[in-house]
């Protein structure tokens, strides 16, 4: 997706992904995930603890997001817009050659450290933990989600970003749900950073309750895009306002500010 396309990190047009396919992706992850601690109640994916991926991503053509953005800024390939493309690979290989590192065109821990970053090579493991715990009402979970997301207002938009430096629309929503204690079995921050993973669509099709847009309420997830596609998502604040990540930054806005068609159904992560 190019920078002047709609704002979510999803392909265009997007085929509907079957839940079984999404689950297979999760089960195939090279980075193991701990099982979430159940928070009680009938929903198995409301948790007091969000699993954190073990291991760190070696950057290459499969990846996008915050670490890629930092590398591109250091090497002057920001025109690739947070996607690890051919120019970034060549720039990394040239840097490795100058520094007598093994020339692979990929950023492993040694290359990351040689680039001089203060942030940890494993910063891609950043995972927001719930700020509430059982027993707690759905309304308190909603407010925890919104409070965390509101705290990110002004942070930069980064395609495939899930923090802590910047976010895209679905990365912001995913971490915000974590703040409220919602864990999704088919969506993780690890998958979110893959260039080929359509996070917004995966959230839409994750099995959470869907309702007509006319029944939307504070804390629901609003989805955008023409028929057959999900191109953007936002957190509904009420009174026609949303919290969303769009270039250049996370912001509060009116629900229809960017002119992208609103999907006829919303997703409710907390409550009935």
C-alpha atoms as a PDB file:
ATOM      1  CA  UNK A   1       0.000   0.000   0.000  1.00  0.00           C
ATOM      2  CA  UNK A   2       1.357   3.430  -0.885  1.00  0.00           C
ATOM      3  CA  UNK A   3       1.395   6.411   1.421  1.00  0.00           C
ATOM      4  CA  UNK A   4      -1.349   8.202  -0.487  1.00  0.00           C
ATOM      5  CA  UNK A   5      -3.682   5.191  -0.203  1.00  0.00           C
ATOM      6  CA  UNK A   6      -6.149   4.903   2.709  1.00  0.00           C
ATOM      7  CA  UNK A   7      -4.529   4.776   6.091  1.00  0.00           C
ATOM      8  CA  UNK A   8      -4.594   1.211   7.411  1.00  0.00           C
ATOM      9  CA  UNK A   9      -1.817  -1.299   6.723  1.00  0.00           C
ATOM     10  CA  UNK A  10      -3.947  -3.693   4.668  1.00  0.00           C
ATOM     11  CA  UNK A  11      -3.709  -4.757   1.008  1.00  0.00           C
ATOM     12  CA  UNK A  12      -6.196  -3.304  -1.524  1.00  0.00           C
ATOM     13  CA  UNK A  13      -8.622  -4.897  -2.185  1.00  0.00           C
ATOM     14  CA  UNK A  14      -8.538  -7.271   0.768  1.00  0.00           C
ATOM     15  CA  UNK A  15      -9.950 -10.803   0.549  1.00  0.00           C
ATOM     16  CA  UNK A  16     -11.734 -11.967   3.696  1.00  0.00           C
ATOM     17  CA  UNK A  17      -9.341 -14.137   5.688  1.00  0.00           C
ATOM     18  CA  UNK A  18     -10.796 -17.326   7.135  1.00  0.00           C
ATOM     19  CA  UNK A  19     -10.410 -17.644  10.916  1.00  0.00           C
ATOM     20  CA  UNK A  20      -8.684 -21.021  10.412  1.00  0.00           C
ATOM     21  CA  UNK A  21      -6.021 -19.395   8.246  1.00  0.00           C
ATOM     22  CA  UNK A  22      -5.409 -16.670  10.829  1.00  0.00           C
ATOM     23  CA  UNK A  23      -5.104 -19.237  13.603  1.00  0.00           C
ATOM     24  CA  UNK A  24      -2.652 -21.253  11.505  1.00  0.00           C
ATOM     25  CA  UNK A  25      -0.472 -18.155  11.189  1.00  0.00           C
ATOM     26  CA  UNK A  26      -0.436 -17.741  14.950  1.00  0.00           C
ATOM     27  CA  UNK A  27       0.399 -21.392  15.545  1.00  0.00           C
ATOM     28  CA  UNK A  28       3.268 -21.148  13.063  1.00  0.00           C
ATOM     29  CA  UNK A  29       4.966 -18.226  14.812  1.00  0.00           C
ATOM     30  CA  UNK A  30       8.711 -18.684  15.296  1.00  0.00           C
ATOM     31  CA  UNK A  31       8.465 -16.628  18.462  1.00  0.00           C
ATOM     32  CA  UNK A  32       6.736 -18.594  21.214  1.00  0.00           C
ATOM     33  CA  UNK A  33       3.903 -16.988  23.131  1.00  0.00           C
ATOM     34  CA  UNK A  34       3.016 -17.574  26.742  1.00  0.00           C
ATOM     35  CA  UNK A  35      -0.594 -18.394  27.500  1.00  0.00           C
ATOM     36  CA  UNK A  36      -2.646 -15.495  28.889  1.00  0.00           C
ATOM     37  CA  UNK A  37      -3.727 -15.559  32.505  1.00  0.00           C
ATOM     38  CA  UNK A  38      -7.505 -15.876  32.586  1.00  0.00           C
ATOM     39  CA  UNK A  39      -9.358 -13.053  34.261  1.00  0.00           C
ATOM     40  CA  UNK A  40     -12.410 -15.123  34.975  1.00  0.00           C
ATOM     41  CA  UNK A  41     -15.908 -14.957  33.511  1.00  0.00           C
ATOM     42  CA  UNK A  42     -17.214 -16.665  30.378  1.00  0.00           C
ATOM     43  CA  UNK A  43     -14.888 -14.940  27.899  1.00  0.00           C
ATOM     44  CA  UNK A  44     -11.608 -16.905  27.582  1.00  0.00           C
ATOM     45  CA  UNK A  45      -9.861 -13.939  25.962  1.00  0.00           C
ATOM     46  CA  UNK A  46     -10.339 -11.448  28.757  1.00  0.00           C
ATOM     47  CA  UNK A  47      -7.057 -11.642  30.614  1.00  0.00           C
ATOM     48  CA  UNK A  48      -5.076 -10.138  33.472  1.00  0.00           C
ATOM     49  CA  UNK A  49      -1.881 -10.637  31.455  1.00  0.00           C
ATOM     50  CA  UNK A  50      -1.122 -10.266  27.746  1.00  0.00           C
ATOM     51  CA  UNK A  51       1.370 -12.767  26.272  1.00  0.00           C
ATOM     52  CA  UNK A  52       4.678 -11.252  25.152  1.00  0.00           C
ATOM     53  CA  UNK A  53       6.607 -12.773  22.250  1.00  0.00           C
ATOM     54  CA  UNK A  54       9.907 -14.408  23.195  1.00  0.00           C
ATOM     55  CA  UNK A  55      12.790 -13.451  20.926  1.00  0.00           C
ATOM     56  CA  UNK A  56      13.506 -10.432  18.721  1.00  0.00           C
ATOM     57  CA  UNK A  57      12.838  -9.735  15.039  1.00  0.00           C
ATOM     58  CA  UNK A  58      15.765  -9.757  12.602  1.00  0.00           C
ATOM     59  CA  UNK A  59      14.723  -7.145  10.066  1.00  0.00           C
ATOM     60  CA  UNK A  60      14.428  -8.095   6.410  1.00  0.00           C
ATOM     61  CA  UNK A  61      12.009  -7.831   3.501  1.00  0.00           C
ATOM     62  CA  UNK A  62       9.157  -9.485   5.457  1.00  0.00           C
ATOM     63  CA  UNK A  63       8.982  -6.700   8.034  1.00  0.00           C
ATOM     64  CA  UNK A  64       7.712  -3.174   8.615  1.00  0.00           C
ATOM     65  CA  UNK A  65       7.051  -0.928  11.593  1.00  0.00           C
ATOM     66  CA  UNK A  66       8.927   1.017  14.237  1.00  0.00           C
ATOM     67  CA  UNK A  67      12.315  -0.719  14.076  1.00  0.00           C
ATOM     68  CA  UNK A  68      12.292  -0.473  10.292  1.00  0.00           C
ATOM     69  CA  UNK A  69      11.425   3.223  10.570  1.00  0.00           C
ATOM     70  CA  UNK A  70      14.380   3.872  12.869  1.00  0.00           C
ATOM     71  CA  UNK A  71      16.772   2.059  10.518  1.00  0.00           C
ATOM     72  CA  UNK A  72      15.445   3.992   7.523  1.00  0.00           C
ATOM     73  CA  UNK A  73      15.909   7.331   9.291  1.00  0.00           C
ATOM     74  CA  UNK A  74      19.494   6.385  10.192  1.00  0.00           C
ATOM     75  CA  UNK A  75      20.357   5.250   6.641  1.00  0.00           C
ATOM     76  CA  UNK A  76      18.317   7.742   4.591  1.00  0.00           C
ATOM     77  CA  UNK A  77      15.707   5.415   3.080  1.00  0.00           C
ATOM     78  CA  UNK A  78      12.582   6.921   4.636  1.00  0.00           C
ATOM     79  CA  UNK A  79      10.958   7.063   1.183  1.00  0.00           C
ATOM     80  CA  UNK A  80      10.148   3.369   1.669  1.00  0.00           C
ATOM     81  CA  UNK A  81       7.674   4.428   4.354  1.00  0.00           C
ATOM     82  CA  UNK A  82       8.443   1.949   7.130  1.00  0.00           C
ATOM     83  CA  UNK A  83       8.499  -1.057   4.744  1.00  0.00           C
ATOM     84  CA  UNK A  84      11.806  -2.915   4.551  1.00  0.00           C
ATOM     85  CA  UNK A  85      12.283  -2.628   0.805  1.00  0.00           C
ATOM     86  CA  UNK A  86      15.125  -3.091  -1.655  1.00  0.00           C
ATOM     87  CA  UNK A  87      16.650   0.344  -0.996  1.00  0.00           C
ATOM     88  CA  UNK A  88      16.761  -0.299   2.744  1.00  0.00           C
ATOM     89  CA  UNK A  89      18.299  -3.706   2.164  1.00  0.00           C
ATOM     90  CA  UNK A  90      21.023  -2.190  -0.056  1.00  0.00           C
ATOM     91  CA  UNK A  91      21.678   0.582   2.469  1.00  0.00           C
ATOM     92  CA  UNK A  92      22.021  -1.948   5.287  1.00  0.00           C
ATOM     93  CA  UNK A  93      24.366  -4.114   3.195  1.00  0.00           C
ATOM     94  CA  UNK A  94      26.533  -1.074   2.394  1.00  0.00           C
ATOM     95  CA  UNK A  95      26.671  -0.135   6.081  1.00  0.00           C
ATOM     96  CA  UNK A  96      27.628  -3.697   7.033  1.00  0.00           C
ATOM     97  CA  UNK A  97      30.424  -3.659   4.439  1.00  0.00           C
ATOM     98  CA  UNK A  98      31.800  -0.348   5.755  1.00  0.00           C
ATOM     99  CA  UNK A  99      31.783  -1.662   9.325  1.00  0.00           C
ATOM    100  CA  UNK A 100      33.300  -5.080   8.490  1.00  0.00           C
ATOM    101  CA  UNK A 101      30.109  -6.845   9.533  1.00  0.00           C
ATOM    102  CA  UNK A 102      28.727  -9.903   7.813  1.00  0.00           C
ATOM    103  CA  UNK A 103      26.973  -8.516   4.724  1.00  0.00           C
ATOM    104  CA  UNK A 104      23.419  -9.875   4.678  1.00  0.00           C
ATOM    105  CA  UNK A 105      21.269  -6.812   4.070  1.00  0.00           C
ATOM    106  CA  UNK A 106      19.354  -7.772   7.228  1.00  0.00           C
ATOM    107  CA  UNK A 107      19.479  -6.063  10.597  1.00  0.00           C
ATOM    108  CA  UNK A 108      20.389  -8.482  13.362  1.00  0.00           C
ATOM    109  CA  UNK A 109      21.386  -7.506  16.879  1.00  0.00           C
ATOM    110  CA  UNK A 110      25.025  -6.859  15.945  1.00  0.00           C
ATOM    111  CA  UNK A 111      24.095  -4.571  13.049  1.00  0.00           C
ATOM    112  CA  UNK A 112      21.482  -2.807  15.199  1.00  0.00           C
ATOM    113  CA  UNK A 113      24.070  -2.084  17.866  1.00  0.00           C
ATOM    114  CA  UNK A 114      26.584  -0.918  15.251  1.00  0.00           C
ATOM    115  CA  UNK A 115      23.984   1.553  13.958  1.00  0.00           C
ATOM    116  CA  UNK A 116      24.165   3.163  17.397  1.00  0.00           C
ATOM    117  CA  UNK A 117      20.572   2.901  18.586  1.00  0.00           C
ATOM    118  CA  UNK A 118      19.923   3.601  22.252  1.00  0.00           C
ATOM    119  CA  UNK A 119      16.756   1.522  22.179  1.00  0.00           C
ATOM    120  CA  UNK A 120      16.942  -2.233  22.670  1.00  0.00           C
ATOM    121  CA  UNK A 121      17.078  -4.519  19.645  1.00  0.00           C
ATOM    122  CA  UNK A 122      14.120  -6.297  21.243  1.00  0.00           C
ATOM    123  CA  UNK A 123      11.918  -3.200  21.348  1.00  0.00           C
ATOM    124  CA  UNK A 124       9.507  -4.999  18.986  1.00  0.00           C
ATOM    125  CA  UNK A 125       8.403  -7.071  21.999  1.00  0.00           C
ATOM    126  CA  UNK A 126       6.665  -4.002  23.467  1.00  0.00           C
ATOM    127  CA  UNK A 127       3.275  -5.203  24.714  1.00  0.00           C
ATOM    128  CA  UNK A 128       0.890  -3.124  26.803  1.00  0.00           C
ATOM    129  CA  UNK A 129      -0.339  -4.933  29.903  1.00  0.00           C
ATOM    130  CA  UNK A 130      -3.871  -4.512  31.335  1.00  0.00           C
ATOM    131  CA  UNK A 131      -4.313  -1.573  33.672  1.00  0.00           C
ATOM    132  CA  UNK A 132      -7.371  -3.255  35.217  1.00  0.00           C
ATOM    133  CA  UNK A 133      -7.881  -6.739  36.605  1.00  0.00           C
ATOM    134  CA  UNK A 134     -10.773  -9.012  37.446  1.00  0.00           C
ATOM    135  CA  UNK A 135     -13.322  -8.524  38.783  1.00  0.00           C
ATOM    136  CA  UNK A 136     -14.037  -5.329  36.848  1.00  0.00           C
ATOM    137  CA  UNK A 137     -16.926  -4.123  34.710  1.00  0.00           C
ATOM    138  CA  UNK A 138     -16.882  -3.812  30.930  1.00  0.00           C
ATOM    139  CA  UNK A 139     -17.224  -0.040  31.290  1.00  0.00           C
ATOM    140  CA  UNK A 140     -14.020   0.129  33.323  1.00  0.00           C
ATOM    141  CA  UNK A 141     -12.227  -1.972  30.715  1.00  0.00           C
ATOM    142  CA  UNK A 142     -13.481   0.397  28.016  1.00  0.00           C
ATOM    143  CA  UNK A 143     -12.226   3.405  29.946  1.00  0.00           C
ATOM    144  CA  UNK A 144      -8.853   1.725  30.496  1.00  0.00           C
ATOM    145  CA  UNK A 145      -8.596   1.108  26.743  1.00  0.00           C
ATOM    146  CA  UNK A 146      -9.509   4.699  25.878  1.00  0.00           C
ATOM    147  CA  UNK A 147      -7.297   6.228  28.580  1.00  0.00           C
ATOM    148  CA  UNK A 148      -4.259   4.384  27.258  1.00  0.00           C
ATOM    149  CA  UNK A 149      -5.037   5.309  23.635  1.00  0.00           C
ATOM    150  CA  UNK A 150      -5.610   8.945  24.589  1.00  0.00           C
ATOM    151  CA  UNK A 151      -2.140   8.975  26.094  1.00  0.00           C
ATOM    152  CA  UNK A 152      -0.696   8.249  22.640  1.00  0.00           C
ATOM    153  CA  UNK A 153      -2.242  11.328  20.983  1.00  0.00           C
ATOM    154  CA  UNK A 154       0.486  13.223  19.154  1.00  0.00           C
ATOM    155  CA  UNK A 155       2.749  10.212  18.697  1.00  0.00           C
ATOM    156  CA  UNK A 156       3.812   9.721  15.072  1.00  0.00           C
ATOM    157  CA  UNK A 157       2.019   7.509  12.590  1.00  0.00           C
ATOM    158  CA  UNK A 158       4.255   4.597  11.605  1.00  0.00           C
ATOM    159  CA  UNK A 159       2.925   1.955   9.213  1.00  0.00           C
ATOM    160  CA  UNK A 160       2.854  -1.413  11.045  1.00  0.00           C
ATOM    161  CA  UNK A 161       3.776   0.431  14.222  1.00  0.00           C
ATOM    162  CA  UNK A 162       2.604  -0.969  17.544  1.00  0.00           C
ATOM    163  CA  UNK A 163       4.673   1.281  19.788  1.00  0.00           C
ATOM    164  CA  UNK A 164       6.326   2.474  21.803  1.00  0.00           C
ATOM    165  CA  UNK A 165       7.605   5.125  19.365  1.00  0.00           C
ATOM    166  CA  UNK A 166       4.652   5.254  16.953  1.00  0.00           C
ATOM    167  CA  UNK A 167       1.529   3.495  15.742  1.00  0.00           C
ATOM    168  CA  UNK A 168      -0.665   2.833  12.782  1.00  0.00           C
ATOM    169  CA  UNK A 169      -4.432   2.548  13.156  1.00  0.00           C
ATOM    170  CA  UNK A 170      -4.620  -1.156  13.980  1.00  0.00           C
ATOM    171  CA  UNK A 171      -1.445  -1.187  16.077  1.00  0.00           C
ATOM    172  CA  UNK A 172      -2.928   1.548  18.250  1.00  0.00           C
ATOM    173  CA  UNK A 173      -6.236  -0.319  18.616  1.00  0.00           C
ATOM    174  CA  UNK A 174      -4.515  -3.630  19.375  1.00  0.00           C
ATOM    175  CA  UNK A 175      -2.391  -2.215  22.196  1.00  0.00           C
ATOM    176  CA  UNK A 176      -5.370  -0.234  23.515  1.00  0.00           C
ATOM    177  CA  UNK A 177      -7.404  -3.447  23.770  1.00  0.00           C
ATOM    178  CA  UNK A 178      -4.524  -4.996  25.675  1.00  0.00           C
ATOM    179  CA  UNK A 179      -4.747  -2.120  28.167  1.00  0.00           C
ATOM    180  CA  UNK A 180      -8.342  -3.146  28.819  1.00  0.00           C
ATOM    181  CA  UNK A 181      -7.453  -6.843  29.097  1.00  0.00           C
ATOM    182  CA  UNK A 182      -8.645  -8.089  25.686  1.00  0.00           C
ATOM    183  CA  UNK A 183      -6.391 -10.734  24.084  1.00  0.00           C
ATOM    184  CA  UNK A 184      -7.066 -11.939  20.527  1.00  0.00           C
ATOM    185  CA  UNK A 185      -6.001 -15.488  19.598  1.00  0.00           C
ATOM    186  CA  UNK A 186      -5.492 -14.623  15.910  1.00  0.00           C
ATOM    187  CA  UNK A 187      -3.731 -11.248  16.232  1.00  0.00           C
ATOM    188  CA  UNK A 188      -0.433 -10.408  17.939  1.00  0.00           C
ATOM    189  CA  UNK A 189       2.032  -7.530  17.888  1.00  0.00           C
ATOM    190  CA  UNK A 190       4.490  -9.913  16.199  1.00  0.00           C
ATOM    191  CA  UNK A 191       2.114 -10.619  13.321  1.00  0.00           C
ATOM    192  CA  UNK A 192       1.230  -6.944  13.120  1.00  0.00           C
ATOM    193  CA  UNK A 193       4.793  -6.091  12.117  1.00  0.00           C
ATOM    194  CA  UNK A 194       4.751  -8.434   9.138  1.00  0.00           C
ATOM    195  CA  UNK A 195       4.232  -6.632   5.838  1.00  0.00           C
ATOM    196  CA  UNK A 196       1.823  -9.319   4.625  1.00  0.00           C
ATOM    197  CA  UNK A 197      -0.473  -9.420   7.681  1.00  0.00           C
ATOM    198  CA  UNK A 198      -3.700  -7.402   7.477  1.00  0.00           C
ATOM    199  CA  UNK A 199      -4.202  -6.564  11.143  1.00  0.00           C
ATOM    200  CA  UNK A 200      -7.320  -4.397  10.815  1.00  0.00           C
ATOM    201  CA  UNK A 201      -9.113  -7.107   8.847  1.00  0.00           C
ATOM    202  CA  UNK A 202      -7.935  -9.777  11.284  1.00  0.00           C
ATOM    203  CA  UNK A 203      -9.396  -7.777  14.178  1.00  0.00           C
ATOM    204  CA  UNK A 204     -12.664  -7.298  12.287  1.00  0.00           C
ATOM    205  CA  UNK A 205     -12.888 -11.058  11.656  1.00  0.00           C
ATOM    206  CA  UNK A 206     -11.543 -12.163  15.057  1.00  0.00           C
ATOM    207  CA  UNK A 207     -14.886 -13.363  16.437  1.00  0.00           C
ATOM    208  CA  UNK A 208     -15.693 -10.411  18.670  1.00  0.00           C
ATOM    209  CA  UNK A 209     -19.305  -9.267  18.620  1.00  0.00           C
ATOM    210  CA  UNK A 210     -20.357  -7.194  15.614  1.00  0.00           C
ATOM    211  CA  UNK A 211     -23.234  -4.734  15.695  1.00  0.00           C
ATOM    212  CA  UNK A 212     -24.849  -2.299  13.246  1.00  0.00           C
ATOM    213  CA  UNK A 213     -23.116   1.059  13.006  1.00  0.00           C
ATOM    214  CA  UNK A 214     -26.347   2.642  14.254  1.00  0.00           C
ATOM    215  CA  UNK A 215     -25.846   0.838  17.597  1.00  0.00           C
ATOM    216  CA  UNK A 216     -22.282   2.015  18.116  1.00  0.00           C
ATOM    217  CA  UNK A 217     -21.264   3.153  21.559  1.00  0.00           C
ATOM    218  CA  UNK A 218     -18.171   4.380  23.373  1.00  0.00           C
ATOM    219  CA  UNK A 219     -15.365   1.822  23.196  1.00  0.00           C
ATOM    220  CA  UNK A 220     -16.487   0.148  19.961  1.00  0.00           C
ATOM    221  CA  UNK A 221     -14.103  -0.282  17.047  1.00  0.00           C
ATOM    222  CA  UNK A 222     -15.114   1.535  13.855  1.00  0.00           C
ATOM    223  CA  UNK A 223     -13.946   0.095  10.527  1.00  0.00           C
ATOM    224  CA  UNK A 224     -13.649   1.824   7.173  1.00  0.00           C
ATOM    225  CA  UNK A 225     -13.343   0.875   3.509  1.00  0.00           C
ATOM    226  CA  UNK A 226     -15.358   0.081   0.381  1.00  0.00           C
ATOM    227  CA  UNK A 227     -17.249  -3.201  -0.024  1.00  0.00           C
ATOM    228  CA  UNK A 228     -14.938  -6.180   0.446  1.00  0.00           C
ATOM    229  CA  UNK A 229     -12.111  -4.205   2.042  1.00  0.00           C
ATOM    230  CA  UNK A 230     -11.036  -2.901   5.436  1.00  0.00           C
ATOM    231  CA  UNK A 231      -8.678   0.033   4.951  1.00  0.00           C
ATOM    232  CA  UNK A 232      -8.750   1.813   8.312  1.00  0.00           C
ATOM    233  CA  UNK A 233     -10.028   1.467  11.877  1.00  0.00           C
ATOM    234  CA  UNK A 234     -10.535   3.722  14.896  1.00  0.00           C
ATOM    235  CA  UNK A 235     -11.731   3.653  18.503  1.00  0.00           C
ATOM    236  CA  UNK A 236     -15.133   5.246  18.989  1.00  0.00           C
ATOM    237  CA  UNK A 237     -15.292   7.850  21.761  1.00  0.00           C
ATOM    238  CA  UNK A 238     -18.973   8.765  21.475  1.00  0.00           C
ATOM    239  CA  UNK A 239     -20.790  11.787  20.041  1.00  0.00           C
ATOM    240  CA  UNK A 240     -19.406  11.115  16.563  1.00  0.00           C
ATOM    241  CA  UNK A 241     -15.760  11.323  17.672  1.00  0.00           C
ATOM    242  CA  UNK A 242     -13.002   8.755  17.245  1.00  0.00           C
ATOM    243  CA  UNK A 243      -9.425   8.258  18.326  1.00  0.00           C
ATOM    244  CA  UNK A 244      -7.255   7.091  15.441  1.00  0.00           C
ATOM    245  CA  UNK A 245      -3.756   6.904  13.991  1.00  0.00           C
ATOM    246  CA  UNK A 246      -3.379   8.582  10.593  1.00  0.00           C
ATOM    247  CA  UNK A 247      -0.413  10.337   9.051  1.00  0.00           C
ATOM    248  CA  UNK A 248       1.203  12.284  10.561  1.00  0.00           C
ATOM    249  CA  UNK A 249       0.113  11.287  14.090  1.00  0.00           C
ATOM    250  CA  UNK A 250      -2.370   9.778  16.527  1.00  0.00           C
ATOM    251  CA  UNK A 251      -5.319  12.153  16.900  1.00  0.00           C
ATOM    252  CA  UNK A 252      -8.904  12.710  18.013  1.00  0.00           C
ATOM    253  CA  UNK A 253     -11.229  13.504  15.110  1.00  0.00           C
ATOM    254  CA  UNK A 254     -14.772  13.319  13.808  1.00  0.00           C
ATOM    255  CA  UNK A 255     -15.793   9.840  12.677  1.00  0.00           C
ATOM    256  CA  UNK A 256     -15.946  10.768   8.987  1.00  0.00           C
ATOM    257  CA  UNK A 257     -13.146  13.318   8.792  1.00  0.00           C
ATOM    258  CA  UNK A 258     -11.076  11.542   6.134  1.00  0.00           C
ATOM    259  CA  UNK A 259     -13.927  10.669   3.787  1.00  0.00           C
ATOM    260  CA  UNK A 260     -13.316   6.888   3.728  1.00  0.00           C
ATOM    261  CA  UNK A 261     -16.624   4.924   3.745  1.00  0.00           C
ATOM    262  CA  UNK A 262     -17.612   3.638   7.184  1.00  0.00           C
ATOM    263  CA  UNK A 263     -18.366  -0.094   7.333  1.00  0.00           C
ATOM    264  CA  UNK A 264     -21.976  -0.963   8.237  1.00  0.00           C
ATOM    265  CA  UNK A 265     -20.939  -2.903  11.334  1.00  0.00           C
ATOM    266  CA  UNK A 266     -18.765  -2.156  14.356  1.00  0.00           C
ATOM    267  CA  UNK A 267     -16.880  -4.539  16.640  1.00  0.00           C
ATOM    268  CA  UNK A 268     -17.380  -4.469  20.413  1.00  0.00           C
ATOM    269  CA  UNK A 269     -14.289  -5.660  22.332  1.00  0.00           C
ATOM    270  CA  UNK A 270     -15.835  -5.252  25.787  1.00  0.00           C
ATOM    271  CA  UNK A 271     -19.383  -5.807  26.990  1.00  0.00           C
ATOM    272  CA  UNK A 272     -22.569  -6.871  25.272  1.00  0.00           C
END
